[in-house]
Amino acid sequence: MTEITLIARLVARRGREEALLGAIAVAVPAARAEDGCIAYEPHVLADTPGTVVMYERWRDQAAFEAHGAGPAFTALAAQFDGLLAEPLRLEFLRRV
């Protein structure tokens, strides 16, 4: 098994910053309870408050894929058109 570590970058539409944070706050507890979730931690960029980066660690590819198809993420993603200024960007990390 290979652990999956990534940063998910979400850029809010102007004026929708608080709505994005609220939607993320709803998703976080459910995502953290998912099988295989090691870390699911939202952060706002200090110099760009409308940008949220989500630090995520998953046990393996199967856990990451299950999250993507699960209710916490799909409910959040269903709101992206009204909340995000640009598409969700996933940046996969490799430990050095």
PDB file of N, CA and C in Angstrom:
ATOM      1  N   MET A   1       0.839  -1.189   0.000  1.00  0.00           N
ATOM      2  CA  MET A   1       0.000   0.000   0.000  1.00  0.00           C
ATOM      3  C   MET A   1       0.876   1.242   0.000  1.00  0.00           C
ATOM      4  N   THR A   2       0.481   2.209  -0.787  1.00  0.00           N
ATOM      5  CA  THR A   2       1.185   3.471  -0.843  1.00  0.00           C
ATOM      6  C   THR A   2       0.264   4.568  -0.346  1.00  0.00           C
ATOM      7  N   GLU A   3       0.700   5.255   0.684  1.00  0.00           N
ATOM      8  CA  GLU A   3      -0.080   6.360   1.230  1.00  0.00           C
ATOM      9  C   GLU A   3      -0.181   7.483   0.205  1.00  0.00           C
ATOM     10  N   ILE A   4      -1.347   8.125   0.148  1.00  0.00           N
ATOM     11  CA  ILE A   4      -1.601   9.246  -0.761  1.00  0.00           C
ATOM     12  C   ILE A   4      -1.604  10.526   0.066  1.00  0.00           C
ATOM     13  N   THR A   5      -0.775  11.483  -0.330  1.00  0.00           N
ATOM     14  CA  THR A   5      -0.728  12.788   0.320  1.00  0.00           C
ATOM     15  C   THR A   5      -0.921  13.844  -0.748  1.00  0.00           C
ATOM     16  N   LEU A   6      -1.788  14.811  -0.479  1.00  0.00           N
ATOM     17  CA  LEU A   6      -2.059  15.837  -1.477  1.00  0.00           C
ATOM     18  C   LEU A   6      -2.508  17.134  -0.833  1.00  0.00           C
ATOM     19  N   ILE A   7      -2.457  18.154  -1.652  1.00  0.00           N
ATOM     20  CA  ILE A   7      -3.031  19.455  -1.329  1.00  0.00           C
ATOM     21  C   ILE A   7      -4.157  19.677  -2.337  1.00  0.00           C
ATOM     22  N   ALA A   8      -5.350  19.952  -1.835  1.00  0.00           N
ATOM     23  CA  ALA A   8      -6.465  20.345  -2.704  1.00  0.00           C
ATOM     24  C   ALA A   8      -6.591  21.860  -2.577  1.00  0.00           C
ATOM     25  N   ARG A   9      -6.567  22.560  -3.691  1.00  0.00           N
ATOM     26  CA  ARG A   9      -6.623  24.023  -3.696  1.00  0.00           C
ATOM     27  C   ARG A   9      -7.984  24.472  -4.216  1.00  0.00           C
ATOM     28  N   LEU A  10      -8.675  25.260  -3.399  1.00  0.00           N
ATOM     29  CA  LEU A  10     -10.006  25.768  -3.748  1.00  0.00           C
ATOM     30  C   LEU A  10      -9.963  27.295  -3.683  1.00  0.00           C
ATOM     31  N   VAL A  11     -10.285  27.942  -4.780  1.00  0.00           N
ATOM     32  CA  VAL A  11     -10.274  29.407  -4.851  1.00  0.00           C
ATOM     33  C   VAL A  11     -11.721  29.890  -4.928  1.00  0.00           C
ATOM     34  N   ALA A  12     -12.125  30.633  -3.921  1.00  0.00           N
ATOM     35  CA  ALA A  12     -13.522  31.098  -3.834  1.00  0.00           C
ATOM     36  C   ALA A  12     -13.807  32.208  -4.843  1.00  0.00           C
ATOM     37  N   ARG A  13     -15.038  32.215  -5.327  1.00  0.00           N
ATOM     38  CA  ARG A  13     -15.522  33.357  -6.105  1.00  0.00           C
ATOM     39  C   ARG A  13     -15.528  34.578  -5.190  1.00  0.00           C
ATOM     40  N   ARG A  14     -15.331  35.733  -5.752  1.00  0.00           N
ATOM     41  CA  ARG A  14     -15.373  36.966  -4.967  1.00  0.00           C
ATOM     42  C   ARG A  14     -16.732  37.077  -4.279  1.00  0.00           C
ATOM     43  N   GLY A  15     -16.713  37.324  -2.986  1.00  0.00           N
ATOM     44  CA  GLY A  15     -17.928  37.430  -2.208  1.00  0.00           C
ATOM     45  C   GLY A  15     -18.471  36.104  -1.705  1.00  0.00           C
ATOM     46  N   ARG A  16     -17.856  34.989  -2.080  1.00  0.00           N
ATOM     47  CA  ARG A  16     -18.324  33.661  -1.664  1.00  0.00           C
ATOM     48  C   ARG A  16     -17.349  32.974  -0.707  1.00  0.00           C
ATOM     49  N   GLU A  17     -16.391  33.733  -0.197  1.00  0.00           N
ATOM     50  CA  GLU A  17     -15.368  33.167   0.669  1.00  0.00           C
ATOM     51  C   GLU A  17     -15.969  32.505   1.913  1.00  0.00           C
ATOM     52  N   GLU A  18     -16.858  33.188   2.584  1.00  0.00           N
ATOM     53  CA  GLU A  18     -17.456  32.634   3.806  1.00  0.00           C
ATOM     54  C   GLU A  18     -18.346  31.430   3.500  1.00  0.00           C
ATOM     55  N   ALA A  19     -19.038  31.477   2.379  1.00  0.00           N
ATOM     56  CA  ALA A  19     -19.876  30.338   1.989  1.00  0.00           C
ATOM     57  C   ALA A  19     -19.017  29.106   1.713  1.00  0.00           C
ATOM     58  N   LEU A  20     -17.854  29.310   1.084  1.00  0.00           N
ATOM     59  CA  LEU A  20     -16.950  28.187   0.840  1.00  0.00           C
ATOM     60  C   LEU A  20     -16.448  27.614   2.160  1.00  0.00           C
ATOM     61  N   LEU A  21     -16.047  28.482   3.067  1.00  0.00           N
ATOM     62  CA  LEU A  21     -15.567  28.007   4.366  1.00  0.00           C
ATOM     63  C   LEU A  21     -16.660  27.250   5.116  1.00  0.00           C
ATOM     64  N   GLY A  22     -17.887  27.721   5.028  1.00  0.00           N
ATOM     65  CA  GLY A  22     -18.995  27.031   5.674  1.00  0.00           C
ATOM     66  C   GLY A  22     -19.243  25.658   5.085  1.00  0.00           C
ATOM     67  N   ALA A  23     -19.183  25.552   3.764  1.00  0.00           N
ATOM     68  CA  ALA A  23     -19.389  24.256   3.104  1.00  0.00           C
ATOM     69  C   ALA A  23     -18.276  23.277   3.474  1.00  0.00           C
ATOM     70  N   ILE A  24     -17.053  23.780   3.558  1.00  0.00           N
ATOM     71  CA  ILE A  24     -15.931  22.930   3.947  1.00  0.00           C
ATOM     72  C   ILE A  24     -16.088  22.473   5.394  1.00  0.00           C
ATOM     73  N   ALA A  25     -16.506  23.381   6.260  1.00  0.00           N
ATOM     74  CA  ALA A  25     -16.686  23.036   7.677  1.00  0.00           C
ATOM     75  C   ALA A  25     -17.697  21.913   7.854  1.00  0.00           C
ATOM     76  N   VAL A  26     -18.707  21.861   7.009  1.00  0.00           N
ATOM     77  CA  VAL A  26     -19.697  20.791   7.077  1.00  0.00           C
ATOM     78  C   VAL A  26     -19.077  19.461   6.625  1.00  0.00           C
ATOM     79  N   ALA A  27     -18.232  19.501   5.600  1.00  0.00           N
ATOM     80  CA  ALA A  27     -17.658  18.276   5.028  1.00  0.00           C
ATOM     81  C   ALA A  27     -16.560  17.662   5.889  1.00  0.00           C
ATOM     82  N   VAL A  28     -15.824  18.480   6.613  1.00  0.00           N
ATOM     83  CA  VAL A  28     -14.627  18.001   7.314  1.00  0.00           C
ATOM     84  C   VAL A  28     -14.905  16.864   8.302  1.00  0.00           C
ATOM     85  N   PRO A  29     -15.850  16.976   9.221  1.00  0.00           N
ATOM     86  CA  PRO A  29     -16.033  15.868  10.183  1.00  0.00           C
ATOM     87  C   PRO A  29     -16.375  14.537   9.513  1.00  0.00           C
ATOM     88  N   ALA A  30     -17.203  14.585   8.490  1.00  0.00           N
ATOM     89  CA  ALA A  30     -17.573  13.346   7.799  1.00  0.00           C
ATOM     90  C   ALA A  30     -16.380  12.761   7.052  1.00  0.00           C
ATOM     91  N   ALA A  31     -15.589  13.605   6.411  1.00  0.00           N
ATOM     92  CA  ALA A  31     -14.411  13.112   5.684  1.00  0.00           C
ATOM     93  C   ALA A  31     -13.404  12.502   6.653  1.00  0.00           C
ATOM     94  N   ARG A  32     -13.206  13.146   7.790  1.00  0.00           N
ATOM     95  CA  ARG A  32     -12.255  12.620   8.776  1.00  0.00           C
ATOM     96  C   ARG A  32     -12.689  11.267   9.327  1.00  0.00           C
ATOM     97  N   ALA A  33     -13.974  10.990   9.317  1.00  0.00           N
ATOM     98  CA  ALA A  33     -14.496   9.715   9.819  1.00  0.00           C
ATOM     99  C   ALA A  33     -14.424   8.595   8.779  1.00  0.00           C
ATOM    100  N   GLU A  34     -14.092   8.922   7.544  1.00  0.00           N
ATOM    101  CA  GLU A  34     -14.034   7.918   6.487  1.00  0.00           C
ATOM    102  C   GLU A  34     -12.888   6.948   6.727  1.00  0.00           C
ATOM    103  N   ASP A  35     -13.116   5.699   6.371  1.00  0.00           N
ATOM    104  CA  ASP A  35     -12.089   4.673   6.482  1.00  0.00           C
ATOM    105  C   ASP A  35     -10.889   5.054   5.618  1.00  0.00           C
ATOM    106  N   GLY A  36      -9.721   5.061   6.204  1.00  0.00           N
ATOM    107  CA  GLY A  36      -8.508   5.357   5.454  1.00  0.00           C
ATOM    108  C   GLY A  36      -8.067   6.807   5.517  1.00  0.00           C
ATOM    109  N   CYS A  37      -8.857   7.679   6.155  1.00  0.00           N
ATOM    110  CA  CYS A  37      -8.463   9.082   6.292  1.00  0.00           C
ATOM    111  C   CYS A  37      -7.441   9.209   7.420  1.00  0.00           C
ATOM    112  N   ILE A  38      -6.280   9.747   7.088  1.00  0.00           N
ATOM    113  CA  ILE A  38      -5.237   9.990   8.081  1.00  0.00           C
ATOM    114  C   ILE A  38      -5.249  11.470   8.475  1.00  0.00           C
ATOM    115  N   ALA A  39      -5.428  12.343   7.497  1.00  0.00           N
ATOM    116  CA  ALA A  39      -5.482  13.787   7.760  1.00  0.00           C
ATOM    117  C   ALA A  39      -6.366  14.444   6.715  1.00  0.00           C
ATOM    118  N   TYR A  40      -7.153  15.408   7.171  1.00  0.00           N
ATOM    119  CA  TYR A  40      -8.039  16.179   6.290  1.00  0.00           C
ATOM    120  C   TYR A  40      -8.156  17.553   6.947  1.00  0.00           C
ATOM    121  N   GLU A  41      -7.236  18.457   6.588  1.00  0.00           N
ATOM    122  CA  GLU A  41      -7.044  19.689   7.331  1.00  0.00           C
ATOM    123  C   GLU A  41      -7.120  20.916   6.428  1.00  0.00           C
ATOM    124  N   PRO A  42      -8.198  21.691   6.540  1.00  0.00           N
ATOM    125  CA  PRO A  42      -8.318  22.900   5.729  1.00  0.00           C
ATOM    126  C   PRO A  42      -7.510  24.054   6.321  1.00  0.00           C
ATOM    127  N   HIS A  43      -6.923  24.838   5.429  1.00  0.00           N
ATOM    128  CA  HIS A  43      -6.180  26.049   5.791  1.00  0.00           C
ATOM    129  C   HIS A  43      -6.536  27.140   4.785  1.00  0.00           C
ATOM    130  N   VAL A  44      -6.516  28.378   5.238  1.00  0.00           N
ATOM    131  CA  VAL A  44      -6.683  29.520   4.345  1.00  0.00           C
ATOM    132  C   VAL A  44      -5.306  30.133   4.152  1.00  0.00           C
ATOM    133  N   LEU A  45      -4.967  30.476   2.902  1.00  0.00           N
ATOM    134  CA  LEU A  45      -3.684  31.129   2.666  1.00  0.00           C
ATOM    135  C   LEU A  45      -3.668  32.465   3.392  1.00  0.00           C
ATOM    136  N   ALA A  46      -2.629  32.709   4.150  1.00  0.00           N
ATOM    137  CA  ALA A  46      -2.547  33.910   4.978  1.00  0.00           C
ATOM    138  C   ALA A  46      -2.608  35.189   4.143  1.00  0.00           C
ATOM    139  N   ASP A  47      -2.001  35.177   2.965  1.00  0.00           N
ATOM    140  CA  ASP A  47      -1.978  36.383   2.139  1.00  0.00           C
ATOM    141  C   ASP A  47      -3.062  36.394   1.062  1.00  0.00           C
ATOM    142  N   THR A  48      -3.858  35.329   0.993  1.00  0.00           N
ATOM    143  CA  THR A  48      -4.935  35.241   0.010  1.00  0.00           C
ATOM    144  C   THR A  48      -6.125  34.558   0.681  1.00  0.00           C
ATOM    145  N   PRO A  49      -6.906  35.311   1.476  1.00  0.00           N
ATOM    146  CA  PRO A  49      -7.961  34.690   2.277  1.00  0.00           C
ATOM    147  C   PRO A  49      -9.035  33.944   1.485  1.00  0.00           C
ATOM    148  N   GLY A  50      -9.177  34.195   0.215  1.00  0.00           N
ATOM    149  CA  GLY A  50     -10.168  33.490  -0.584  1.00  0.00           C
ATOM    150  C   GLY A  50      -9.693  32.147  -1.112  1.00  0.00           C
ATOM    151  N   THR A  51      -8.464  31.768  -0.766  1.00  0.00           N
ATOM    152  CA  THR A  51      -7.920  30.495  -1.230  1.00  0.00           C
ATOM    153  C   THR A  51      -7.773  29.539  -0.058  1.00  0.00           C
ATOM    154  N   VAL A  52      -8.399  28.385  -0.193  1.00  0.00           N
ATOM    155  CA  VAL A  52      -8.326  27.334   0.823  1.00  0.00           C
ATOM    156  C   VAL A  52      -7.445  26.222   0.277  1.00  0.00           C
ATOM    157  N   VAL A  53      -6.523  25.769   1.094  1.00  0.00           N
ATOM    158  CA  VAL A  53      -5.762  24.571   0.751  1.00  0.00           C
ATOM    159  C   VAL A  53      -6.120  23.515   1.783  1.00  0.00           C
ATOM    160  N   MET A  54      -6.411  22.343   1.289  1.00  0.00           N
ATOM    161  CA  MET A  54      -6.785  21.223   2.137  1.00  0.00           C
ATOM    162  C   MET A  54      -5.631  20.227   2.105  1.00  0.00           C
ATOM    163  N   TYR A  55      -4.968  20.039   3.241  1.00  0.00           N
ATOM    164  CA  TYR A  55      -3.917  19.048   3.351  1.00  0.00           C
ATOM    165  C   TYR A  55      -4.596  17.714   3.650  1.00  0.00           C
ATOM    166  N   GLU A  56      -4.354  16.729   2.787  1.00  0.00           N
ATOM    167  CA  GLU A  56      -5.013  15.426   2.926  1.00  0.00           C
ATOM    168  C   GLU A  56      -3.989  14.305   2.908  1.00  0.00           C
ATOM    169  N   ARG A  57      -4.227  13.301   3.757  1.00  0.00           N
ATOM    170  CA  ARG A  57      -3.463  12.062   3.721  1.00  0.00           C
ATOM    171  C   ARG A  57      -4.449  10.907   3.797  1.00  0.00           C
ATOM    172  N   TRP A  58      -4.259   9.953   2.888  1.00  0.00           N
ATOM    173  CA  TRP A  58      -5.126   8.780   2.805  1.00  0.00           C
ATOM    174  C   TRP A  58      -4.272   7.521   2.872  1.00  0.00           C
ATOM    175  N   ARG A  59      -4.817   6.499   3.485  1.00  0.00           N
ATOM    176  CA  ARG A  59      -4.093   5.243   3.679  1.00  0.00           C
ATOM    177  C   ARG A  59      -3.539   4.700   2.359  1.00  0.00           C
ATOM    178  N   ASP A  60      -4.350   4.773   1.306  1.00  0.00           N
ATOM    179  CA  ASP A  60      -3.946   4.232   0.016  1.00  0.00           C
ATOM    180  C   ASP A  60      -4.859   4.803  -1.073  1.00  0.00           C
ATOM    181  N   GLN A  61      -4.593   4.408  -2.304  1.00  0.00           N
ATOM    182  CA  GLN A  61      -5.371   4.899  -3.446  1.00  0.00           C
ATOM    183  C   GLN A  61      -6.848   4.549  -3.319  1.00  0.00           C
ATOM    184  N   ALA A  62      -7.141   3.370  -2.815  1.00  0.00           N
ATOM    185  CA  ALA A  62      -8.540   2.951  -2.680  1.00  0.00           C
ATOM    186  C   ALA A  62      -9.286   3.860  -1.701  1.00  0.00           C
ATOM    187  N   ALA A  63      -8.655   4.225  -0.593  1.00  0.00           N
ATOM    188  CA  ALA A  63      -9.302   5.122   0.373  1.00  0.00           C
ATOM    189  C   ALA A  63      -9.518   6.508  -0.233  1.00  0.00           C
ATOM    190  N   PHE A  64      -8.537   6.987  -0.992  1.00  0.00           N
ATOM    191  CA  PHE A  64      -8.670   8.286  -1.653  1.00  0.00           C
ATOM    192  C   PHE A  64      -9.816   8.259  -2.667  1.00  0.00           C
ATOM    193  N   GLU A  65      -9.896   7.208  -3.447  1.00  0.00           N
ATOM    194  CA  GLU A  65     -10.968   7.093  -4.438  1.00  0.00           C
ATOM    195  C   GLU A  65     -12.331   6.964  -3.772  1.00  0.00           C
ATOM    196  N   ALA A  66     -12.401   6.227  -2.671  1.00  0.00           N
ATOM    197  CA  ALA A  66     -13.670   6.103  -1.944  1.00  0.00           C
ATOM    198  C   ALA A  66     -14.113   7.468  -1.414  1.00  0.00           C
ATOM    199  N   HIS A  67     -13.180   8.259  -0.946  1.00  0.00           N
ATOM    200  CA  HIS A  67     -13.500   9.617  -0.489  1.00  0.00           C
ATOM    201  C   HIS A  67     -14.095  10.435  -1.636  1.00  0.00           C
ATOM    202  N   GLY A  68     -13.475  10.350  -2.807  1.00  0.00           N
ATOM    203  CA  GLY A  68     -13.954  11.110  -3.958  1.00  0.00           C
ATOM    204  C   GLY A  68     -15.359  10.734  -4.387  1.00  0.00           C
ATOM    205  N   ALA A  69     -15.755   9.504  -4.116  1.00  0.00           N
ATOM    206  CA  ALA A  69     -17.092   9.039  -4.471  1.00  0.00           C
ATOM    207  C   ALA A  69     -18.058   9.078  -3.288  1.00  0.00           C
ATOM    208  N   GLY A  70     -17.540   9.418  -2.113  1.00  0.00           N
ATOM    209  CA  GLY A  70     -18.350   9.379  -0.899  1.00  0.00           C
ATOM    210  C   GLY A  70     -19.205  10.615  -0.690  1.00  0.00           C
ATOM    211  N   PRO A  71     -20.105  10.543   0.291  1.00  0.00           N
ATOM    212  CA  PRO A  71     -21.074  11.615   0.494  1.00  0.00           C
ATOM    213  C   PRO A  71     -20.472  12.946   0.946  1.00  0.00           C
ATOM    214  N   ALA A  72     -19.413  12.930   1.737  1.00  0.00           N
ATOM    215  CA  ALA A  72     -18.839  14.193   2.212  1.00  0.00           C
ATOM    216  C   ALA A  72     -18.308  15.020   1.042  1.00  0.00           C
ATOM    217  N   PHE A  73     -17.502  14.371   0.182  1.00  0.00           N
ATOM    218  CA  PHE A  73     -16.935  15.118  -0.937  1.00  0.00           C
ATOM    219  C   PHE A  73     -17.974  15.424  -2.006  1.00  0.00           C
ATOM    220  N   THR A  74     -18.839  14.471  -2.334  1.00  0.00           N
ATOM    221  CA  THR A  74     -19.792  14.734  -3.406  1.00  0.00           C
ATOM    222  C   THR A  74     -20.772  15.851  -3.036  1.00  0.00           C
ATOM    223  N   ALA A  75     -21.149  15.950  -1.761  1.00  0.00           N
ATOM    224  CA  ALA A  75     -22.020  17.055  -1.332  1.00  0.00           C
ATOM    225  C   ALA A  75     -21.294  18.388  -1.440  1.00  0.00           C
ATOM    226  N   LEU A  76     -20.021  18.399  -1.084  1.00  0.00           N
ATOM    227  CA  LEU A  76     -19.227  19.619  -1.225  1.00  0.00           C
ATOM    228  C   LEU A  76     -19.046  19.975  -2.696  1.00  0.00           C
ATOM    229  N   ALA A  77     -18.662  19.000  -3.499  1.00  0.00           N
ATOM    230  CA  ALA A  77     -18.405  19.244  -4.919  1.00  0.00           C
ATOM    231  C   ALA A  77     -19.649  19.722  -5.661  1.00  0.00           C
ATOM    232  N   ALA A  78     -20.823  19.309  -5.212  1.00  0.00           N
ATOM    233  CA  ALA A  78     -22.070  19.739  -5.846  1.00  0.00           C
ATOM    234  C   ALA A  78     -22.261  21.251  -5.734  1.00  0.00           C
ATOM    235  N   GLN A  79     -21.539  21.886  -4.817  1.00  0.00           N
ATOM    236  CA  GLN A  79     -21.652  23.334  -4.612  1.00  0.00           C
ATOM    237  C   GLN A  79     -20.553  24.125  -5.329  1.00  0.00           C
ATOM    238  N   PHE A  80     -19.611  23.449  -5.935  1.00  0.00           N
ATOM    239  CA  PHE A  80     -18.443  24.124  -6.512  1.00  0.00           C
ATOM    240  C   PHE A  80     -18.797  25.166  -7.562  1.00  0.00           C
ATOM    241  N   ASP A  81     -19.770  24.912  -8.425  1.00  0.00           N
ATOM    242  CA  ASP A  81     -20.099  25.884  -9.478  1.00  0.00           C
ATOM    243  C   ASP A  81     -20.429  27.253  -8.899  1.00  0.00           C
ATOM    244  N   GLY A  82     -21.141  27.275  -7.786  1.00  0.00           N
ATOM    245  CA  GLY A  82     -21.509  28.549  -7.180  1.00  0.00           C
ATOM    246  C   GLY A  82     -20.472  29.123  -6.236  1.00  0.00           C
ATOM    247  N   LEU A  83     -19.500  28.302  -5.838  1.00  0.00           N
ATOM    248  CA  LEU A  83     -18.526  28.741  -4.834  1.00  0.00           C
ATOM    249  C   LEU A  83     -17.140  29.033  -5.380  1.00  0.00           C
ATOM    250  N   LEU A  84     -16.714  28.306  -6.409  1.00  0.00           N
ATOM    251  CA  LEU A  84     -15.326  28.396  -6.855  1.00  0.00           C
ATOM    252  C   LEU A  84     -15.145  29.281  -8.077  1.00  0.00           C
ATOM    253  N   ALA A  85     -14.061  30.050  -8.054  1.00  0.00           N
ATOM    254  CA  ALA A  85     -13.707  30.921  -9.179  1.00  0.00           C
ATOM    255  C   ALA A  85     -12.951  30.158 -10.262  1.00  0.00           C
ATOM    256  N   GLU A  86     -12.405  29.007  -9.899  1.00  0.00           N
ATOM    257  CA  GLU A  86     -11.660  28.185 -10.852  1.00  0.00           C
ATOM    258  C   GLU A  86     -11.812  26.729 -10.432  1.00  0.00           C
ATOM    259  N   PRO A  87     -11.496  25.805 -11.323  1.00  0.00           N
ATOM    260  CA  PRO A  87     -11.666  24.386 -10.973  1.00  0.00           C
ATOM    261  C   PRO A  87     -10.790  23.979  -9.784  1.00  0.00           C
ATOM    262  N   LEU A  88     -11.277  23.036  -9.017  1.00  0.00           N
ATOM    263  CA  LEU A  88     -10.507  22.430  -7.936  1.00  0.00           C
ATOM    264  C   LEU A  88      -9.197  21.918  -8.507  1.00  0.00           C
ATOM    265  N   ARG A  89      -8.108  22.184  -7.793  1.00  0.00           N
ATOM    266  CA  ARG A  89      -6.803  21.702  -8.247  1.00  0.00           C
ATOM    267  C   ARG A  89      -6.232  20.768  -7.188  1.00  0.00           C
ATOM    268  N   LEU A  90      -5.820  19.582  -7.603  1.00  0.00           N
ATOM    269  CA  LEU A  90      -5.198  18.607  -6.713  1.00  0.00           C
ATOM    270  C   LEU A  90      -3.706  18.562  -7.013  1.00  0.00           C
ATOM    271  N   GLU A  91      -2.905  18.675  -5.963  1.00  0.00           N
ATOM    272  CA  GLU A  91      -1.453  18.643  -6.082  1.00  0.00           C
ATOM    273  C   GLU A  91      -0.940  17.488  -5.220  1.00  0.00           C
ATOM    274  N   PHE A  92      -0.519  16.406  -5.868  1.00  0.00           N
ATOM    275  CA  PHE A  92      -0.071  15.222  -5.154  1.00  0.00           C
ATOM    276  C   PHE A  92       1.365  15.400  -4.705  1.00  0.00           C
ATOM    277  N   LEU A  93       1.633  14.958  -3.479  1.00  0.00           N
ATOM    278  CA  LEU A  93       2.953  15.160  -2.865  1.00  0.00           C
ATOM    279  C   LEU A  93       3.680  13.834  -2.740  1.00  0.00           C
ATOM    280  N   ARG A  94       5.006  13.938  -2.735  1.00  0.00           N
ATOM    281  CA  ARG A  94       5.873  12.782  -2.514  1.00  0.00           C
ATOM    282  C   ARG A  94       6.857  13.164  -1.411  1.00  0.00           C
ATOM    283  N   ARG A  95       6.898  12.351  -0.366  1.00  0.00           N
ATOM    284  CA  ARG A  95       7.790  12.628   0.771  1.00  0.00           C
ATOM    285  C   ARG A  95       9.243  12.523   0.316  1.00  0.00           C
ATOM    286  N   VAL A  96      10.056  13.448   0.799  1.00  0.00           N
ATOM    287  CA  VAL A  96      11.495  13.410   0.475  1.00  0.00           C
ATOM    288  C   VAL A  96      12.315  13.219   1.738  1.00  0.00           C
TER     289      VAL A  96
END
